[in-house]
Amino acid sequence: MRGLQVNDPSGDIAERELRNLGHNVVIRKILPDEVSRIRDEIRRLIDDSKIDIIITIGGTGLTSDDVTIEAVTPLLDKILPGFGEIFRYLSYREVGSLAILSRAIAGISRDKVIFCLPGSVNAVKLAINMLIGPLLPHLLYLLKLRD
């Protein structure tokens, strides 16, 4: 942030796993924990015709700087509650009751799928490999039918 190079192991994992699944990563950014900056960037990505899915990483917890959910939720036309529910269930099997602290969500905004994931490497691996990866082909097919 602010021009500094930041380590982003969860972003590295997400990009690698998505590429392994045959997807192109068109853009990758690190943003400050500010609702307006996150919301503005998500709006810009929603308007970009080269982008089908948007994945945010981090900002889904309970601290005062965890604002991704607050930034993204108003932009969603439809929420996919099953994503967060299943994500927390699978996380529970790994981390126990700590999974309750995650506010991970997914939804649709116009013709884009948006996933908001916790920032931990394990959470990103779990979400992409067990939920997002298997779901994406069918979800993208459904969204193209809406056009």
N, C-alpha and C. Protein backbone atom coordinates (compact mmCIF):
# COMPACT_ATOMS: atom_id res chain seq x y z
N MET A 1 0.83 -1.17 0.00
CA MET A 1 0.00 0.00 0.00
C MET A 1 0.89 1.24 0.00
N ARG A 2 0.35 2.31 -0.48
CA ARG A 2 1.07 3.57 -0.58
C ARG A 2 2.43 3.40 -1.26
N GLY A 3 2.45 2.63 -2.34
CA GLY A 3 3.64 2.47 -3.13
C GLY A 3 4.65 1.46 -2.62
N LEU A 4 4.40 0.86 -1.46
CA LEU A 4 5.33 -0.13 -0.92
C LEU A 4 5.00 -1.51 -1.48
N GLN A 5 6.01 -2.31 -1.65
CA GLN A 5 5.80 -3.70 -2.05
C GLN A 5 5.34 -4.47 -0.82
N VAL A 6 4.25 -5.19 -0.94
CA VAL A 6 3.67 -5.91 0.18
C VAL A 6 3.67 -7.40 -0.13
N ASN A 7 4.08 -8.21 0.84
CA ASN A 7 3.95 -9.66 0.68
C ASN A 7 2.48 -10.01 0.68
N ASP A 8 2.08 -10.89 -0.20
CA ASP A 8 0.68 -11.27 -0.33
C ASP A 8 0.59 -12.78 -0.59
N PRO A 9 0.94 -13.59 0.42
CA PRO A 9 0.93 -15.04 0.19
C PRO A 9 -0.44 -15.59 -0.17
N SER A 10 -1.50 -15.05 0.40
CA SER A 10 -2.85 -15.54 0.06
C SER A 10 -3.20 -15.18 -1.38
N GLY A 11 -2.83 -13.99 -1.80
CA GLY A 11 -3.04 -13.60 -3.20
C GLY A 11 -2.23 -14.47 -4.15
N ASP A 12 -1.00 -14.80 -3.74
CA ASP A 12 -0.16 -15.69 -4.56
C ASP A 12 -0.83 -17.04 -4.73
N ILE A 13 -1.35 -17.58 -3.64
CA ILE A 13 -2.04 -18.88 -3.67
C ILE A 13 -3.27 -18.80 -4.57
N ALA A 14 -4.07 -17.76 -4.39
CA ALA A 14 -5.29 -17.61 -5.19
C ALA A 14 -4.96 -17.55 -6.68
N GLU A 15 -3.98 -16.74 -7.02
CA GLU A 15 -3.61 -16.62 -8.44
C GLU A 15 -3.12 -17.95 -8.99
N ARG A 16 -2.26 -18.63 -8.25
CA ARG A 16 -1.73 -19.92 -8.71
C ARG A 16 -2.85 -20.95 -8.89
N GLU A 17 -3.72 -21.05 -7.88
CA GLU A 17 -4.80 -22.05 -7.95
C GLU A 17 -5.76 -21.76 -9.09
N LEU A 18 -6.10 -20.48 -9.30
CA LEU A 18 -7.01 -20.12 -10.39
C LEU A 18 -6.38 -20.41 -11.74
N ARG A 19 -5.10 -20.10 -11.88
CA ARG A 19 -4.41 -20.39 -13.14
C ARG A 19 -4.35 -21.91 -13.37
N ASN A 20 -4.11 -22.66 -12.31
CA ASN A 20 -4.08 -24.13 -12.42
C ASN A 20 -5.42 -24.68 -12.88
N LEU A 21 -6.50 -23.97 -12.56
CA LEU A 21 -7.83 -24.38 -12.98
C LEU A 21 -8.18 -23.88 -14.38
N GLY A 22 -7.23 -23.17 -15.01
CA GLY A 22 -7.44 -22.71 -16.38
C GLY A 22 -8.01 -21.31 -16.51
N HIS A 23 -8.03 -20.56 -15.43
CA HIS A 23 -8.58 -19.20 -15.48
C HIS A 23 -7.45 -18.19 -15.64
N ASN A 24 -7.76 -17.08 -16.29
CA ASN A 24 -6.81 -15.98 -16.42
C ASN A 24 -7.02 -15.01 -15.27
N VAL A 25 -5.94 -14.53 -14.70
CA VAL A 25 -6.02 -13.48 -13.68
C VAL A 25 -5.70 -12.19 -14.40
N VAL A 26 -6.72 -11.34 -14.56
CA VAL A 26 -6.60 -10.13 -15.36
C VAL A 26 -5.99 -8.99 -14.56
N ILE A 27 -6.35 -8.91 -13.29
CA ILE A 27 -5.87 -7.82 -12.45
C ILE A 27 -5.72 -8.32 -11.02
N ARG A 28 -4.74 -7.75 -10.35
CA ARG A 28 -4.53 -8.08 -8.94
C ARG A 28 -4.02 -6.82 -8.26
N LYS A 29 -4.70 -6.43 -7.19
CA LYS A 29 -4.35 -5.21 -6.48
C LYS A 29 -4.42 -5.43 -4.98
N ILE A 30 -3.63 -4.66 -4.27
CA ILE A 30 -3.73 -4.60 -2.81
C ILE A 30 -4.27 -3.22 -2.48
N LEU A 31 -5.36 -3.19 -1.74
CA LEU A 31 -6.01 -1.93 -1.40
C LEU A 31 -5.96 -1.70 0.11
N PRO A 32 -6.03 -0.44 0.51
CA PRO A 32 -6.11 -0.16 1.95
C PRO A 32 -7.48 -0.59 2.49
N ASP A 33 -7.55 -0.77 3.79
CA ASP A 33 -8.80 -1.18 4.45
C ASP A 33 -9.72 0.03 4.59
N GLU A 34 -10.23 0.51 3.46
CA GLU A 34 -11.13 1.67 3.44
C GLU A 34 -12.33 1.33 2.58
N VAL A 35 -13.52 1.49 3.15
CA VAL A 35 -14.75 1.12 2.44
C VAL A 35 -14.82 1.79 1.08
N SER A 36 -14.58 3.10 1.02
CA SER A 36 -14.74 3.82 -0.24
C SER A 36 -13.76 3.34 -1.30
N ARG A 37 -12.52 3.08 -0.93
CA ARG A 37 -11.53 2.61 -1.91
C ARG A 37 -11.88 1.21 -2.41
N ILE A 38 -12.29 0.33 -1.50
CA ILE A 38 -12.67 -1.02 -1.90
C ILE A 38 -13.90 -0.97 -2.80
N ARG A 39 -14.90 -0.22 -2.40
CA ARG A 39 -16.14 -0.13 -3.17
C ARG A 39 -15.89 0.45 -4.56
N ASP A 40 -15.08 1.50 -4.65
CA ASP A 40 -14.77 2.11 -5.94
C ASP A 40 -14.08 1.11 -6.86
N GLU A 41 -13.14 0.34 -6.32
CA GLU A 41 -12.43 -0.65 -7.14
C GLU A 41 -13.37 -1.76 -7.59
N ILE A 42 -14.22 -2.23 -6.71
CA ILE A 42 -15.18 -3.28 -7.08
C ILE A 42 -16.11 -2.76 -8.18
N ARG A 43 -16.58 -1.53 -8.05
CA ARG A 43 -17.45 -0.96 -9.10
C ARG A 43 -16.72 -0.93 -10.44
N ARG A 44 -15.45 -0.53 -10.42
CA ARG A 44 -14.67 -0.47 -11.64
C ARG A 44 -14.54 -1.86 -12.26
N LEU A 45 -14.30 -2.87 -11.43
CA LEU A 45 -14.17 -4.24 -11.92
C LEU A 45 -15.49 -4.77 -12.46
N ILE A 46 -16.58 -4.41 -11.84
CA ILE A 46 -17.90 -4.82 -12.32
C ILE A 46 -18.14 -4.26 -13.72
N ASP A 47 -17.65 -3.06 -13.98
CA ASP A 47 -17.83 -2.42 -15.29
C ASP A 47 -16.87 -2.94 -16.36
N ASP A 48 -15.87 -3.71 -15.99
CA ASP A 48 -14.85 -4.19 -16.92
C ASP A 48 -15.34 -5.46 -17.63
N SER A 49 -15.49 -5.39 -18.93
CA SER A 49 -16.03 -6.51 -19.69
C SER A 49 -15.08 -7.71 -19.75
N LYS A 50 -13.80 -7.53 -19.41
CA LYS A 50 -12.84 -8.63 -19.45
C LYS A 50 -12.91 -9.49 -18.19
N ILE A 51 -13.69 -9.08 -17.22
CA ILE A 51 -13.71 -9.75 -15.93
C ILE A 51 -15.04 -10.46 -15.71
N ASP A 52 -14.96 -11.74 -15.32
CA ASP A 52 -16.15 -12.53 -15.00
C ASP A 52 -16.31 -12.73 -13.50
N ILE A 53 -15.20 -12.90 -12.79
CA ILE A 53 -15.28 -13.11 -11.35
C ILE A 53 -14.35 -12.13 -10.64
N ILE A 54 -14.75 -11.78 -9.45
CA ILE A 54 -13.96 -10.90 -8.59
C ILE A 54 -13.79 -11.63 -7.27
N ILE A 55 -12.55 -11.74 -6.83
CA ILE A 55 -12.28 -12.37 -5.54
C ILE A 55 -11.54 -11.37 -4.68
N THR A 56 -12.11 -11.06 -3.53
CA THR A 56 -11.40 -10.25 -2.56
C THR A 56 -10.85 -11.18 -1.49
N ILE A 57 -9.71 -10.80 -0.95
CA ILE A 57 -9.07 -11.61 0.09
C ILE A 57 -8.76 -10.70 1.26
N GLY A 58 -9.30 -11.07 2.42
CA GLY A 58 -9.07 -10.28 3.63
C GLY A 58 -10.23 -9.36 3.92
N GLY A 59 -10.24 -8.87 5.15
CA GLY A 59 -11.27 -7.91 5.54
C GLY A 59 -12.61 -8.52 5.89
N THR A 60 -12.65 -9.84 6.18
CA THR A 60 -13.91 -10.51 6.48
C THR A 60 -14.07 -10.83 7.96
N GLY A 61 -13.13 -10.38 8.77
CA GLY A 61 -13.17 -10.70 10.19
C GLY A 61 -13.97 -9.69 11.00
N LEU A 62 -13.59 -9.54 12.26
CA LEU A 62 -14.38 -8.73 13.19
C LEU A 62 -13.69 -7.46 13.68
N THR A 63 -12.44 -7.23 13.28
CA THR A 63 -11.76 -6.04 13.78
C THR A 63 -12.27 -4.80 13.06
N SER A 64 -11.93 -3.65 13.58
CA SER A 64 -12.44 -2.39 13.01
C SER A 64 -11.95 -2.16 11.59
N ASP A 65 -10.83 -2.73 11.20
CA ASP A 65 -10.36 -2.54 9.82
C ASP A 65 -10.83 -3.64 8.87
N ASP A 66 -11.64 -4.56 9.33
CA ASP A 66 -12.24 -5.58 8.47
C ASP A 66 -13.51 -5.01 7.86
N VAL A 67 -13.37 -4.35 6.70
CA VAL A 67 -14.49 -3.61 6.11
C VAL A 67 -14.87 -4.10 4.71
N THR A 68 -14.28 -5.19 4.26
CA THR A 68 -14.59 -5.66 2.90
C THR A 68 -16.07 -6.01 2.75
N ILE A 69 -16.63 -6.67 3.71
CA ILE A 69 -18.05 -7.06 3.61
C ILE A 69 -18.93 -5.82 3.54
N GLU A 70 -18.63 -4.82 4.36
CA GLU A 70 -19.41 -3.58 4.34
C GLU A 70 -19.27 -2.86 3.00
N ALA A 71 -18.09 -2.95 2.38
CA ALA A 71 -17.86 -2.30 1.10
C ALA A 71 -18.57 -3.02 -0.04
N VAL A 72 -18.58 -4.35 -0.01
CA VAL A 72 -19.07 -5.13 -1.14
C VAL A 72 -20.57 -5.40 -1.09
N THR A 73 -21.10 -5.69 0.07
CA THR A 73 -22.50 -6.12 0.17
C THR A 73 -23.50 -5.18 -0.52
N PRO A 74 -23.38 -3.86 -0.37
CA PRO A 74 -24.35 -3.00 -1.06
C PRO A 74 -24.29 -3.08 -2.59
N LEU A 75 -23.22 -3.61 -3.13
CA LEU A 75 -23.08 -3.71 -4.58
C LEU A 75 -23.67 -4.99 -5.15
N LEU A 76 -24.06 -5.92 -4.29
CA LEU A 76 -24.55 -7.22 -4.74
C LEU A 76 -26.04 -7.17 -5.10
N ASP A 77 -26.38 -7.70 -6.26
CA ASP A 77 -27.77 -7.84 -6.67
C ASP A 77 -28.40 -9.05 -5.99
N LYS A 78 -27.61 -10.11 -5.85
CA LYS A 78 -28.06 -11.33 -5.20
C LYS A 78 -26.92 -11.86 -4.35
N ILE A 79 -27.25 -12.33 -3.16
CA ILE A 79 -26.27 -12.96 -2.29
C ILE A 79 -26.45 -14.46 -2.41
N LEU A 80 -25.33 -15.18 -2.41
CA LEU A 80 -25.35 -16.64 -2.44
C LEU A 80 -25.03 -17.13 -1.03
N PRO A 81 -26.04 -17.19 -0.15
CA PRO A 81 -25.77 -17.51 1.25
C PRO A 81 -25.12 -18.87 1.45
N GLY A 82 -25.39 -19.81 0.56
CA GLY A 82 -24.81 -21.14 0.69
C GLY A 82 -23.30 -21.12 0.66
N PHE A 83 -22.69 -20.18 -0.07
CA PHE A 83 -21.24 -20.12 -0.12
C PHE A 83 -20.67 -19.90 1.28
N GLY A 84 -21.13 -18.87 1.96
CA GLY A 84 -20.62 -18.58 3.30
C GLY A 84 -20.92 -19.70 4.28
N GLU A 85 -22.10 -20.26 4.16
CA GLU A 85 -22.48 -21.35 5.07
C GLU A 85 -21.58 -22.57 4.89
N ILE A 86 -21.40 -22.98 3.64
CA ILE A 86 -20.56 -24.16 3.38
C ILE A 86 -19.10 -23.85 3.69
N PHE A 87 -18.65 -22.63 3.36
CA PHE A 87 -17.27 -22.26 3.67
C PHE A 87 -17.02 -22.37 5.17
N ARG A 88 -17.93 -21.84 5.98
CA ARG A 88 -17.76 -21.91 7.43
C ARG A 88 -17.83 -23.36 7.93
N TYR A 89 -18.70 -24.16 7.32
CA TYR A 89 -18.77 -25.57 7.70
C TYR A 89 -17.44 -26.27 7.43
N LEU A 90 -16.92 -26.08 6.23
CA LEU A 90 -15.64 -26.73 5.89
C LEU A 90 -14.51 -26.19 6.76
N SER A 91 -14.53 -24.89 7.04
CA SER A 91 -13.52 -24.29 7.92
C SER A 91 -13.63 -24.84 9.33
N TYR A 92 -14.84 -25.06 9.78
CA TYR A 92 -15.07 -25.60 11.12
C TYR A 92 -14.36 -26.94 11.28
N ARG A 93 -14.38 -27.74 10.23
CA ARG A 93 -13.71 -29.04 10.29
C ARG A 93 -12.21 -28.89 10.47
N GLU A 94 -11.65 -27.75 10.07
CA GLU A 94 -10.21 -27.51 10.18
C GLU A 94 -9.83 -26.71 11.42
N VAL A 95 -10.63 -25.67 11.74
CA VAL A 95 -10.22 -24.75 12.81
C VAL A 95 -11.20 -24.70 13.97
N GLY A 96 -12.22 -25.53 13.94
CA GLY A 96 -13.19 -25.55 15.03
C GLY A 96 -14.04 -24.29 15.05
N SER A 97 -14.43 -23.89 16.24
CA SER A 97 -15.39 -22.80 16.38
C SER A 97 -14.86 -21.44 15.89
N LEU A 98 -13.57 -21.33 15.65
CA LEU A 98 -13.03 -20.09 15.07
C LEU A 98 -13.68 -19.76 13.72
N ALA A 99 -14.20 -20.76 13.04
CA ALA A 99 -14.85 -20.56 11.75
C ALA A 99 -16.03 -19.60 11.84
N ILE A 100 -16.65 -19.54 13.00
CA ILE A 100 -17.79 -18.65 13.20
C ILE A 100 -17.39 -17.19 13.00
N LEU A 101 -16.12 -16.87 13.21
CA LEU A 101 -15.66 -15.49 13.12
C LEU A 101 -15.52 -15.00 11.69
N SER A 102 -15.64 -15.87 10.71
CA SER A 102 -15.52 -15.48 9.31
C SER A 102 -16.85 -14.98 8.77
N ARG A 103 -16.79 -13.88 8.04
CA ARG A 103 -17.99 -13.35 7.39
C ARG A 103 -17.89 -13.53 5.88
N ALA A 104 -17.19 -14.56 5.42
CA ALA A 104 -17.04 -14.81 3.99
C ALA A 104 -18.40 -14.84 3.31
N ILE A 105 -18.48 -14.21 2.13
CA ILE A 105 -19.73 -14.17 1.37
C ILE A 105 -19.43 -14.33 -0.12
N ALA A 106 -20.48 -14.57 -0.86
CA ALA A 106 -20.41 -14.55 -2.33
C ALA A 106 -21.72 -13.99 -2.83
N GLY A 107 -21.67 -13.43 -4.02
CA GLY A 107 -22.88 -12.88 -4.61
C GLY A 107 -22.68 -12.53 -6.07
N ILE A 108 -23.74 -11.99 -6.63
CA ILE A 108 -23.75 -11.60 -8.04
C ILE A 108 -24.00 -10.10 -8.12
N SER A 109 -23.25 -9.45 -8.96
CA SER A 109 -23.49 -8.04 -9.27
C SER A 109 -23.49 -7.92 -10.78
N ARG A 110 -24.66 -7.59 -11.32
CA ARG A 110 -24.88 -7.62 -12.76
C ARG A 110 -24.45 -8.99 -13.29
N ASP A 111 -23.45 -9.08 -14.11
CA ASP A 111 -23.05 -10.38 -14.66
C ASP A 111 -21.72 -10.87 -14.08
N LYS A 112 -21.37 -10.37 -12.91
CA LYS A 112 -20.11 -10.75 -12.26
C LYS A 112 -20.40 -11.56 -11.00
N VAL A 113 -19.52 -12.52 -10.74
CA VAL A 113 -19.58 -13.27 -9.49
C VAL A 113 -18.52 -12.66 -8.57
N ILE A 114 -18.89 -12.38 -7.33
CA ILE A 114 -17.96 -11.79 -6.37
C ILE A 114 -17.86 -12.72 -5.17
N PHE A 115 -16.63 -13.07 -4.82
CA PHE A 115 -16.35 -13.86 -3.64
C PHE A 115 -15.50 -13.02 -2.69
N CYS A 116 -15.87 -12.97 -1.44
CA CYS A 116 -15.09 -12.28 -0.41
C CYS A 116 -14.56 -13.34 0.56
N LEU A 117 -13.26 -13.54 0.52
CA LEU A 117 -12.62 -14.60 1.29
C LEU A 117 -11.81 -14.04 2.45
N PRO A 118 -11.67 -14.81 3.52
CA PRO A 118 -10.74 -14.42 4.59
C PRO A 118 -9.31 -14.36 4.05
N GLY A 119 -8.44 -13.73 4.80
CA GLY A 119 -7.08 -13.52 4.34
C GLY A 119 -6.10 -14.64 4.58
N SER A 120 -6.47 -15.67 5.30
CA SER A 120 -5.49 -16.73 5.59
C SER A 120 -5.26 -17.61 4.36
N VAL A 121 -4.03 -18.07 4.23
CA VAL A 121 -3.66 -18.95 3.12
C VAL A 121 -4.55 -20.19 3.10
N ASN A 122 -4.76 -20.81 4.26
CA ASN A 122 -5.58 -22.02 4.31
C ASN A 122 -7.02 -21.75 3.89
N ALA A 123 -7.56 -20.60 4.28
CA ALA A 123 -8.93 -20.25 3.89
C ALA A 123 -9.03 -20.07 2.39
N VAL A 124 -8.04 -19.44 1.79
CA VAL A 124 -8.04 -19.22 0.34
C VAL A 124 -7.95 -20.56 -0.39
N LYS A 125 -7.05 -21.42 0.03
CA LYS A 125 -6.92 -22.75 -0.59
C LYS A 125 -8.24 -23.50 -0.51
N LEU A 126 -8.84 -23.52 0.68
CA LEU A 126 -10.09 -24.24 0.88
C LEU A 126 -11.18 -23.67 -0.04
N ALA A 127 -11.33 -22.37 -0.05
CA ALA A 127 -12.40 -21.75 -0.84
C ALA A 127 -12.23 -22.01 -2.33
N ILE A 128 -11.03 -21.85 -2.83
CA ILE A 128 -10.82 -22.01 -4.28
C ILE A 128 -10.91 -23.48 -4.67
N ASN A 129 -10.26 -24.35 -3.93
CA ASN A 129 -10.20 -25.76 -4.34
C ASN A 129 -11.48 -26.53 -4.07
N MET A 130 -12.18 -26.20 -3.01
CA MET A 130 -13.36 -27.00 -2.66
C MET A 130 -14.68 -26.35 -3.07
N LEU A 131 -14.69 -25.04 -3.26
CA LEU A 131 -15.96 -24.37 -3.57
C LEU A 131 -15.91 -23.61 -4.90
N ILE A 132 -15.03 -22.64 -5.00
CA ILE A 132 -15.02 -21.78 -6.19
C ILE A 132 -14.67 -22.57 -7.45
N GLY A 133 -13.57 -23.30 -7.41
CA GLY A 133 -13.14 -24.05 -8.59
C GLY A 133 -14.22 -24.96 -9.15
N PRO A 134 -14.80 -25.84 -8.33
CA PRO A 134 -15.84 -26.73 -8.85
C PRO A 134 -17.12 -26.00 -9.29
N LEU A 135 -17.40 -24.87 -8.68
CA LEU A 135 -18.64 -24.15 -8.95
C LEU A 135 -18.57 -23.23 -10.16
N LEU A 136 -17.41 -22.69 -10.44
CA LEU A 136 -17.29 -21.65 -11.46
C LEU A 136 -17.82 -21.99 -12.84
N PRO A 137 -17.49 -23.14 -13.41
CA PRO A 137 -18.00 -23.39 -14.77
C PRO A 137 -19.53 -23.28 -14.85
N HIS A 138 -20.22 -23.87 -13.92
CA HIS A 138 -21.68 -23.83 -13.96
C HIS A 138 -22.20 -22.42 -13.65
N LEU A 139 -21.60 -21.76 -12.70
CA LEU A 139 -22.02 -20.40 -12.34
C LEU A 139 -21.83 -19.44 -13.51
N LEU A 140 -20.69 -19.52 -14.18
CA LEU A 140 -20.45 -18.65 -15.34
C LEU A 140 -21.42 -18.98 -16.48
N TYR A 141 -21.73 -20.25 -16.66
CA TYR A 141 -22.72 -20.65 -17.66
C TYR A 141 -24.08 -20.00 -17.36
N LEU A 142 -24.50 -20.06 -16.11
CA LEU A 142 -25.78 -19.47 -15.73
C LEU A 142 -25.79 -17.96 -15.96
N LEU A 143 -24.71 -17.30 -15.65
CA LEU A 143 -24.65 -15.84 -15.84
C LEU A 143 -24.70 -15.48 -17.32
N LYS A 144 -24.10 -16.28 -18.18
CA LYS A 144 -24.13 -16.00 -19.62
C LYS A 144 -25.55 -16.17 -20.16
N LEU A 145 -26.35 -17.04 -19.55
CA LEU A 145 -27.74 -17.23 -19.97
C LEU A 145 -28.57 -15.97 -19.70
N ARG A 146 -28.14 -15.19 -18.72
CA ARG A 146 -28.88 -13.97 -18.37
C ARG A 146 -28.69 -12.86 -19.39
N ASP A 147 -27.61 -12.93 -20.17
CA ASP A 147 -27.31 -11.87 -21.15
C ASP A 147 -28.36 -11.78 -22.23
